[in-house]
PDB file of all heavy atoms in Angstrom:
ATOM      1  N   PHE A   1       9.644   3.620   1.834  1.00  0.00           N
ATOM      2  CA  PHE A   1       9.526   3.378   3.251  1.00  0.00           C
ATOM      3  C   PHE A   1       9.413   4.704   4.079  1.00  0.00           C
ATOM      4  O   PHE A   1       8.773   4.687   5.136  1.00  0.00           O
ATOM      5  CB  PHE A   1      10.655   2.523   3.814  1.00  0.00           C
ATOM      6  CG  PHE A   1      10.714   1.185   3.107  1.00  0.00           C
ATOM      7  CD1 PHE A   1      11.575   0.989   2.054  1.00  0.00           C
ATOM      8  CD2 PHE A   1       9.910   0.144   3.544  1.00  0.00           C
ATOM      9  CE1 PHE A   1      11.618  -0.226   1.442  1.00  0.00           C
ATOM     10  CE2 PHE A   1       9.920  -1.033   2.892  1.00  0.00           C
ATOM     11  CZ  PHE A   1      10.795  -1.248   1.801  1.00  0.00           C
ATOM     12  N   TYR A   2      10.013   5.770   3.586  1.00  0.00           N
ATOM     13  CA  TYR A   2       9.906   7.004   4.294  1.00  0.00           C
ATOM     14  C   TYR A   2       8.451   7.507   4.392  1.00  0.00           C
ATOM     15  O   TYR A   2       7.690   7.384   3.415  1.00  0.00           O
ATOM     16  CB  TYR A   2      10.725   8.122   3.604  1.00  0.00           C
ATOM     17  CG  TYR A   2      12.218   8.073   3.986  1.00  0.00           C
ATOM     18  CD1 TYR A   2      13.125   8.446   3.006  1.00  0.00           C
ATOM     19  CD2 TYR A   2      12.626   7.751   5.217  1.00  0.00           C
ATOM     20  CE1 TYR A   2      14.454   8.443   3.313  1.00  0.00           C
ATOM     21  CE2 TYR A   2      13.957   7.734   5.525  1.00  0.00           C
ATOM     22  CZ  TYR A   2      14.912   8.105   4.573  1.00  0.00           C
ATOM     23  OH  TYR A   2      16.242   8.041   4.903  1.00  0.00           O
ATOM     24  N   ARG A   3       8.059   8.035   5.524  1.00  0.00           N
ATOM     25  CA  ARG A   3       6.785   8.682   5.664  1.00  0.00           C
ATOM     26  C   ARG A   3       6.903  10.059   4.932  1.00  0.00           C
ATOM     27  O   ARG A   3       7.991  10.620   4.782  1.00  0.00           O
ATOM     28  CB  ARG A   3       6.437   8.925   7.167  1.00  0.00           C
ATOM     29  CG  ARG A   3       6.211   7.639   7.904  1.00  0.00           C
ATOM     30  CD  ARG A   3       6.016   7.895   9.414  1.00  0.00           C
ATOM     31  NE  ARG A   3       7.205   8.552   9.965  1.00  0.00           N
ATOM     32  CZ  ARG A   3       7.169   9.772  10.583  1.00  0.00           C
ATOM     33  NH1 ARG A   3       6.055  10.376  10.652  1.00  0.00           N
ATOM     34  NH2 ARG A   3       8.262  10.316  11.075  1.00  0.00           N
ATOM     35  N   LYS A   4       5.785  10.567   4.453  1.00  0.00           N
ATOM     36  CA  LYS A   4       5.773  11.810   3.688  1.00  0.00           C
ATOM     37  C   LYS A   4       5.038  12.942   4.433  1.00  0.00           C
ATOM     38  O   LYS A   4       4.088  12.670   5.194  1.00  0.00           O
ATOM     39  CB  LYS A   4       5.077  11.628   2.331  1.00  0.00           C
ATOM     40  CG  LYS A   4       5.632  10.464   1.481  1.00  0.00           C
ATOM     41  CD  LYS A   4       7.045  10.818   0.999  1.00  0.00           C
ATOM     42  CE  LYS A   4       7.503   9.909  -0.099  1.00  0.00           C
ATOM     43  NZ  LYS A   4       7.630   8.506   0.339  1.00  0.00           N
ATOM     44  N   ASP A   5       5.623  14.155   4.281  1.00  0.00           N
ATOM     45  CA  ASP A   5       4.927  15.325   4.879  1.00  0.00           C
ATOM     46  C   ASP A   5       3.825  15.799   3.941  1.00  0.00           C
ATOM     47  O   ASP A   5       3.520  15.172   2.964  1.00  0.00           O
ATOM     48  CB  ASP A   5       5.901  16.448   5.181  1.00  0.00           C
ATOM     49  CG  ASP A   5       6.586  16.909   3.891  1.00  0.00           C
ATOM     50  OD1 ASP A   5       6.067  16.739   2.777  1.00  0.00           O
ATOM     51  OD2 ASP A   5       7.707  17.545   4.041  1.00  0.00           O
ATOM     52  N   GLU A   6       3.191  16.951   4.265  1.00  0.00           N
ATOM     53  CA  GLU A   6       2.075  17.412   3.536  1.00  0.00           C
ATOM     54  C   GLU A   6       2.421  17.722   2.073  1.00  0.00           C
ATOM     55  O   GLU A   6       1.569  17.663   1.194  1.00  0.00           O
ATOM     56  CB  GLU A   6       1.467  18.634   4.193  1.00  0.00           C
ATOM     57  CG  GLU A   6       0.856  18.399   5.551  1.00  0.00           C
ATOM     58  CD  GLU A   6       0.350  19.608   6.257  1.00  0.00           C
ATOM     59  OE1 GLU A   6       0.521  20.712   5.641  1.00  0.00           O
ATOM     60  OE2 GLU A   6      -0.273  19.471   7.298  1.00  0.00           O
ATOM     61  N   LYS A   7       3.647  18.005   1.810  1.00  0.00           N
ATOM     62  CA  LYS A   7       4.118  18.391   0.467  1.00  0.00           C
ATOM     63  C   LYS A   7       4.649  17.176  -0.322  1.00  0.00           C
ATOM     64  O   LYS A   7       5.109  17.332  -1.439  1.00  0.00           O
ATOM     65  CB  LYS A   7       5.212  19.419   0.479  1.00  0.00           C
ATOM     66  CG  LYS A   7       4.710  20.754   1.104  1.00  0.00           C
ATOM     67  CD  LYS A   7       5.848  21.816   1.032  1.00  0.00           C
ATOM     68  CE  LYS A   7       5.308  23.142   1.607  1.00  0.00           C
ATOM     69  NZ  LYS A   7       6.409  24.198   1.619  1.00  0.00           N
ATOM     70  N   GLY A   8       4.544  16.026   0.321  1.00  0.00           N
ATOM     71  CA  GLY A   8       5.047  14.817  -0.363  1.00  0.00           C
ATOM     72  C   GLY A   8       6.540  14.517  -0.248  1.00  0.00           C
ATOM     73  O   GLY A   8       7.049  13.605  -0.801  1.00  0.00           O
ATOM     74  N   ASN A   9       7.204  15.298   0.577  1.00  0.00           N
ATOM     75  CA  ASN A   9       8.626  15.138   0.831  1.00  0.00           C
ATOM     76  C   ASN A   9       8.864  14.137   1.943  1.00  0.00           C
ATOM     77  O   ASN A   9       7.990  13.998   2.822  1.00  0.00           O
ATOM     78  CB  ASN A   9       9.298  16.435   1.159  1.00  0.00           C
ATOM     79  CG  ASN A   9       9.231  17.438   0.026  1.00  0.00           C
ATOM     80  OD1 ASN A   9       9.357  17.124  -1.149  1.00  0.00           O
ATOM     81  ND2 ASN A   9       8.837  18.718   0.333  1.00  0.00           N
ATOM     82  N   ALA A  10      10.054  13.575   1.994  1.00  0.00           N
ATOM     83  CA  ALA A  10      10.379  12.595   3.078  1.00  0.00           C
ATOM     84  C   ALA A  10      10.336  13.331   4.400  1.00  0.00           C
ATOM     85  O   ALA A  10      10.952  14.359   4.574  1.00  0.00           O
ATOM     86  CB  ALA A  10      11.721  12.009   2.797  1.00  0.00           C
ATOM     87  N   ASP A  11       9.649  12.713   5.374  1.00  0.00           N
ATOM     88  CA  ASP A  11       9.568  13.250   6.723  1.00  0.00           C
ATOM     89  C   ASP A  11      10.562  12.552   7.565  1.00  0.00           C
ATOM     90  O   ASP A  11      10.327  11.379   7.949  1.00  0.00           O
ATOM     91  CB  ASP A  11       8.178  13.091   7.281  1.00  0.00           C
ATOM     92  CG  ASP A  11       7.957  13.684   8.644  1.00  0.00           C
ATOM     93  OD1 ASP A  11       8.956  14.284   9.187  1.00  0.00           O
ATOM     94  OD2 ASP A  11       6.872  13.584   9.172  1.00  0.00           O
ATOM     95  N   LEU A  12      11.669  13.226   7.967  1.00  0.00           N
ATOM     96  CA  LEU A  12      12.731  12.620   8.729  1.00  0.00           C
ATOM     97  C   LEU A  12      12.687  13.006  10.209  1.00  0.00           C
ATOM     98  O   LEU A  12      13.618  12.774  10.922  1.00  0.00           O
ATOM     99  CB  LEU A  12      14.083  12.924   8.101  1.00  0.00           C
ATOM    100  CG  LEU A  12      14.290  12.682   6.599  1.00  0.00           C
ATOM    101  CD1 LEU A  12      15.658  12.967   6.163  1.00  0.00           C
ATOM    102  CD2 LEU A  12      13.946  11.254   6.286  1.00  0.00           C
ATOM    103  N   ALA A  13      11.540  13.558  10.597  1.00  0.00           N
ATOM    104  CA  ALA A  13      11.486  14.098  11.974  1.00  0.00           C
ATOM    105  C   ALA A  13      11.280  13.023  13.030  1.00  0.00           C
ATOM    106  O   ALA A  13      11.449  13.291  14.204  1.00  0.00           O
ATOM    107  CB  ALA A  13      10.301  15.111  12.059  1.00  0.00           C
ATOM    108  N   GLY A  14      10.939  11.825  12.606  1.00  0.00           N
ATOM    109  CA  GLY A  14      10.745  10.768  13.551  1.00  0.00           C
ATOM    110  C   GLY A  14       9.297  10.591  13.917  1.00  0.00           C
ATOM    111  O   GLY A  14       8.509  11.459  13.780  1.00  0.00           O
ATOM    112  N   ARG A  15       8.993   9.439  14.370  1.00  0.00           N
ATOM    113  CA  ARG A  15       7.612   9.058  14.759  1.00  0.00           C
ATOM    114  C   ARG A  15       7.223   9.635  16.097  1.00  0.00           C
ATOM    115  O   ARG A  15       8.065   9.928  16.930  1.00  0.00           O
ATOM    116  CB  ARG A  15       7.433   7.532  14.814  1.00  0.00           C
ATOM    117  CG  ARG A  15       7.648   6.787  13.522  1.00  0.00           C
ATOM    118  CD  ARG A  15       7.388   5.332  13.813  1.00  0.00           C
ATOM    119  NE  ARG A  15       7.474   4.548  12.584  1.00  0.00           N
ATOM    120  CZ  ARG A  15       6.824   3.461  12.336  1.00  0.00           C
ATOM    121  NH1 ARG A  15       5.922   2.995  13.191  1.00  0.00           N
ATOM    122  NH2 ARG A  15       6.912   2.823  11.182  1.00  0.00           N
ATOM    123  N   ALA A  16       5.913   9.793  16.240  1.00  0.00           N
ATOM    124  CA  ALA A  16       5.413  10.177  17.559  1.00  0.00           C
ATOM    125  C   ALA A  16       5.459   9.012  18.542  1.00  0.00           C
ATOM    126  O   ALA A  16       5.502   7.822  18.087  1.00  0.00           O
ATOM    127  CB  ALA A  16       3.948  10.701  17.418  1.00  0.00           C
ATOM    128  N   TYR A  17       5.486   9.323  19.801  1.00  0.00           N
ATOM    129  CA  TYR A  17       5.543   8.251  20.861  1.00  0.00           C
ATOM    130  C   TYR A  17       4.307   7.418  20.661  1.00  0.00           C
ATOM    131  O   TYR A  17       3.178   7.877  20.699  1.00  0.00           O
ATOM    132  CB  TYR A  17       5.621   8.923  22.212  1.00  0.00           C
ATOM    133  CG  TYR A  17       5.882   7.924  23.405  1.00  0.00           C
ATOM    134  CD1 TYR A  17       7.131   7.420  23.545  1.00  0.00           C
ATOM    135  CD2 TYR A  17       4.841   7.478  24.208  1.00  0.00           C
ATOM    136  CE1 TYR A  17       7.405   6.527  24.578  1.00  0.00           C
ATOM    137  CE2 TYR A  17       5.074   6.583  25.188  1.00  0.00           C
ATOM    138  CZ  TYR A  17       6.410   6.098  25.389  1.00  0.00           C
ATOM    139  OH  TYR A  17       6.616   5.233  26.401  1.00  0.00           O
ATOM    140  N   PRO A  18       4.439   6.095  20.655  1.00  0.00           N
ATOM    141  CA  PRO A  18       3.278   5.233  20.332  1.00  0.00           C
ATOM    142  C   PRO A  18       2.458   4.952  21.613  1.00  0.00           C
ATOM    143  O   PRO A  18       2.962   4.997  22.718  1.00  0.00           O
ATOM    144  CB  PRO A  18       3.927   3.931  19.790  1.00  0.00           C
ATOM    145  CG  PRO A  18       5.224   3.900  20.536  1.00  0.00           C
ATOM    146  CD  PRO A  18       5.693   5.339  20.648  1.00  0.00           C
ATOM    147  N   ASP A  19       1.183   4.663  21.350  1.00  0.00           N
ATOM    148  CA  ASP A  19       0.255   4.260  22.433  1.00  0.00           C
ATOM    149  C   ASP A  19       0.416   2.786  22.793  1.00  0.00           C
ATOM    150  O   ASP A  19       0.037   2.290  23.862  1.00  0.00           O
ATOM    151  CB  ASP A  19      -1.197   4.571  22.064  1.00  0.00           C
ATOM    152  CG  ASP A  19      -1.420   6.044  21.943  1.00  0.00           C
ATOM    153  OD1 ASP A  19      -0.806   6.806  22.643  1.00  0.00           O
ATOM    154  OD2 ASP A  19      -2.217   6.401  21.019  1.00  0.00           O
ATOM    155  N   THR A  20       0.952   2.001  21.788  1.00  0.00           N
ATOM    156  CA  THR A  20       1.152   0.565  21.962  1.00  0.00           C
ATOM    157  C   THR A  20       2.610   0.231  22.081  1.00  0.00           C
ATOM    158  O   THR A  20       3.485   1.111  22.038  1.00  0.00           O
ATOM    159  CB  THR A  20       0.641  -0.168  20.694  1.00  0.00           C
ATOM    160  OG1 THR A  20       1.328   0.307  19.527  1.00  0.00           O
ATOM    161  CG2 THR A  20      -0.859   0.111  20.505  1.00  0.00           C
ATOM    162  N   ARG A  21       2.879  -1.039  22.445  1.00  0.00           N
ATOM    163  CA  ARG A  21       4.272  -1.515  22.463  1.00  0.00           C
ATOM    164  C   ARG A  21       4.302  -2.751  21.494  1.00  0.00           C
ATOM    165  O   ARG A  21       4.374  -3.875  21.960  1.00  0.00           O
ATOM    166  CB  ARG A  21       4.712  -1.899  23.876  1.00  0.00           C
ATOM    167  CG  ARG A  21       4.867  -0.655  24.742  1.00  0.00           C
ATOM    168  CD  ARG A  21       5.578  -0.987  26.016  1.00  0.00           C
ATOM    169  NE  ARG A  21       5.942   0.227  26.778  1.00  0.00           N
ATOM    170  CZ  ARG A  21       6.791   0.273  27.776  1.00  0.00           C
ATOM    171  NH1 ARG A  21       7.413  -0.795  28.172  1.00  0.00           N
ATOM    172  NH2 ARG A  21       6.996   1.436  28.392  1.00  0.00           N
ATOM    173  N   ARG A  22       4.218  -2.443  20.219  1.00  0.00           N
ATOM    174  CA  ARG A  22       4.114  -3.533  19.223  1.00  0.00           C
ATOM    175  C   ARG A  22       5.454  -3.721  18.554  1.00  0.00           C
ATOM    176  O   ARG A  22       5.959  -2.838  17.880  1.00  0.00           O
ATOM    177  CB  ARG A  22       3.045  -3.259  18.210  1.00  0.00           C
ATOM    178  CG  ARG A  22       2.811  -4.373  17.204  1.00  0.00           C
ATOM    179  CD  ARG A  22       1.743  -4.065  16.225  1.00  0.00           C
ATOM    180  NE  ARG A  22       0.439  -4.011  16.889  1.00  0.00           N
ATOM    181  CZ  ARG A  22      -0.308  -2.874  16.924  1.00  0.00           C
ATOM    182  NH1 ARG A  22       0.163  -1.787  16.368  1.00  0.00           N
ATOM    183  NH2 ARG A  22      -1.440  -2.893  17.578  1.00  0.00           N
ATOM    184  N   LEU A  23       6.053  -4.879  18.726  1.00  0.00           N
ATOM    185  CA  LEU A  23       7.282  -5.248  18.056  1.00  0.00           C
ATOM    186  C   LEU A  23       6.940  -5.845  16.692  1.00  0.00           C
ATOM    187  O   LEU A  23       5.926  -6.500  16.531  1.00  0.00           O
ATOM    188  CB  LEU A  23       8.039  -6.248  18.898  1.00  0.00           C
ATOM    189  CG  LEU A  23       8.181  -5.933  20.384  1.00  0.00           C
ATOM    190  CD1 LEU A  23       9.012  -7.015  21.136  1.00  0.00           C
ATOM    191  CD2 LEU A  23       8.769  -4.541  20.606  1.00  0.00           C
ATOM    192  N   VAL A  24       7.832  -5.712  15.714  1.00  0.00           N
ATOM    193  CA  VAL A  24       7.600  -6.228  14.411  1.00  0.00           C
ATOM    194  C   VAL A  24       8.879  -6.858  13.808  1.00  0.00           C
ATOM    195  O   VAL A  24       9.942  -6.345  13.938  1.00  0.00           O
ATOM    196  CB  VAL A  24       7.010  -5.121  13.470  1.00  0.00           C
ATOM    197  CG1 VAL A  24       7.980  -4.030  13.277  1.00  0.00           C
ATOM    198  CG2 VAL A  24       6.642  -5.748  12.081  1.00  0.00           C
ATOM    199  N   THR A  25       8.712  -8.013  13.211  1.00  0.00           N
ATOM    200  CA  THR A  25       9.682  -8.719  12.425  1.00  0.00           C
ATOM    201  C   THR A  25       9.117  -8.908  10.961  1.00  0.00           C
ATOM    202  O   THR A  25       8.031  -9.338  10.822  1.00  0.00           O
ATOM    203  CB  THR A  25      10.086 -10.040  13.096  1.00  0.00           C
ATOM    204  OG1 THR A  25      10.716  -9.878  14.290  1.00  0.00           O
ATOM    205  CG2 THR A  25      10.961 -10.845  12.153  1.00  0.00           C
ATOM    206  N   VAL A  26      10.002  -8.672  10.022  1.00  0.00           N
ATOM    207  CA  VAL A  26       9.633  -8.843   8.608  1.00  0.00           C
ATOM    208  C   VAL A  26      10.627  -9.767   7.909  1.00  0.00           C
ATOM    209  O   VAL A  26      11.842  -9.549   8.036  1.00  0.00           O
ATOM    210  CB  VAL A  26       9.542  -7.524   7.911  1.00  0.00           C
ATOM    211  CG1 VAL A  26       9.153  -7.670   6.427  1.00  0.00           C
ATOM    212  CG2 VAL A  26       8.553  -6.560   8.546  1.00  0.00           C
ATOM    213  N   GLY A  27      10.131 -10.728   7.212  1.00  0.00           N
ATOM    214  CA  GLY A  27      11.032 -11.596   6.470  1.00  0.00           C
ATOM    215  C   GLY A  27      10.575 -13.023   6.321  1.00  0.00           C
ATOM    216  O   GLY A  27       9.484 -13.383   6.769  1.00  0.00           O
ATOM    217  N   ARG A  28      11.442 -13.826   5.767  1.00  0.00           N
ATOM    218  CA  ARG A  28      11.166 -15.233   5.551  1.00  0.00           C
ATOM    219  C   ARG A  28      11.232 -16.011   6.868  1.00  0.00           C
ATOM    220  O   ARG A  28      12.171 -15.798   7.636  1.00  0.00           O
ATOM    221  CB  ARG A  28      12.190 -15.835   4.551  1.00  0.00           C
ATOM    222  CG  ARG A  28      11.976 -17.273   4.164  1.00  0.00           C
ATOM    223  CD  ARG A  28      12.952 -17.616   3.075  1.00  0.00           C
ATOM    224  NE  ARG A  28      12.778 -19.007   2.694  1.00  0.00           N
ATOM    225  CZ  ARG A  28      13.438 -20.046   3.269  1.00  0.00           C
ATOM    226  NH1 ARG A  28      14.339 -19.770   4.198  1.00  0.00           N
ATOM    227  NH2 ARG A  28      13.207 -21.304   2.886  1.00  0.00           N
ATOM    228  N   LEU A  29      10.245 -16.789   7.125  1.00  0.00           N
ATOM    229  CA  LEU A  29      10.218 -17.567   8.369  1.00  0.00           C
ATOM    230  C   LEU A  29      10.954 -18.896   8.242  1.00  0.00           C
ATOM    231  O   LEU A  29      10.439 -19.888   7.696  1.00  0.00           O
ATOM    232  CB  LEU A  29       8.741 -17.861   8.811  1.00  0.00           C
ATOM    233  CG  LEU A  29       7.853 -16.573   8.934  1.00  0.00           C
ATOM    234  CD1 LEU A  29       6.528 -16.982   9.520  1.00  0.00           C
ATOM    235  CD2 LEU A  29       8.531 -15.451   9.670  1.00  0.00           C
TER     236      LEU A  29
END
């Protein structure tokens, strides 16, 4: 689930501010 940097390591710096406001739910309905 971690995003990767250019060297393939986990990028823990956080996401950029999004242009959208999209909420997400994952799982069994």
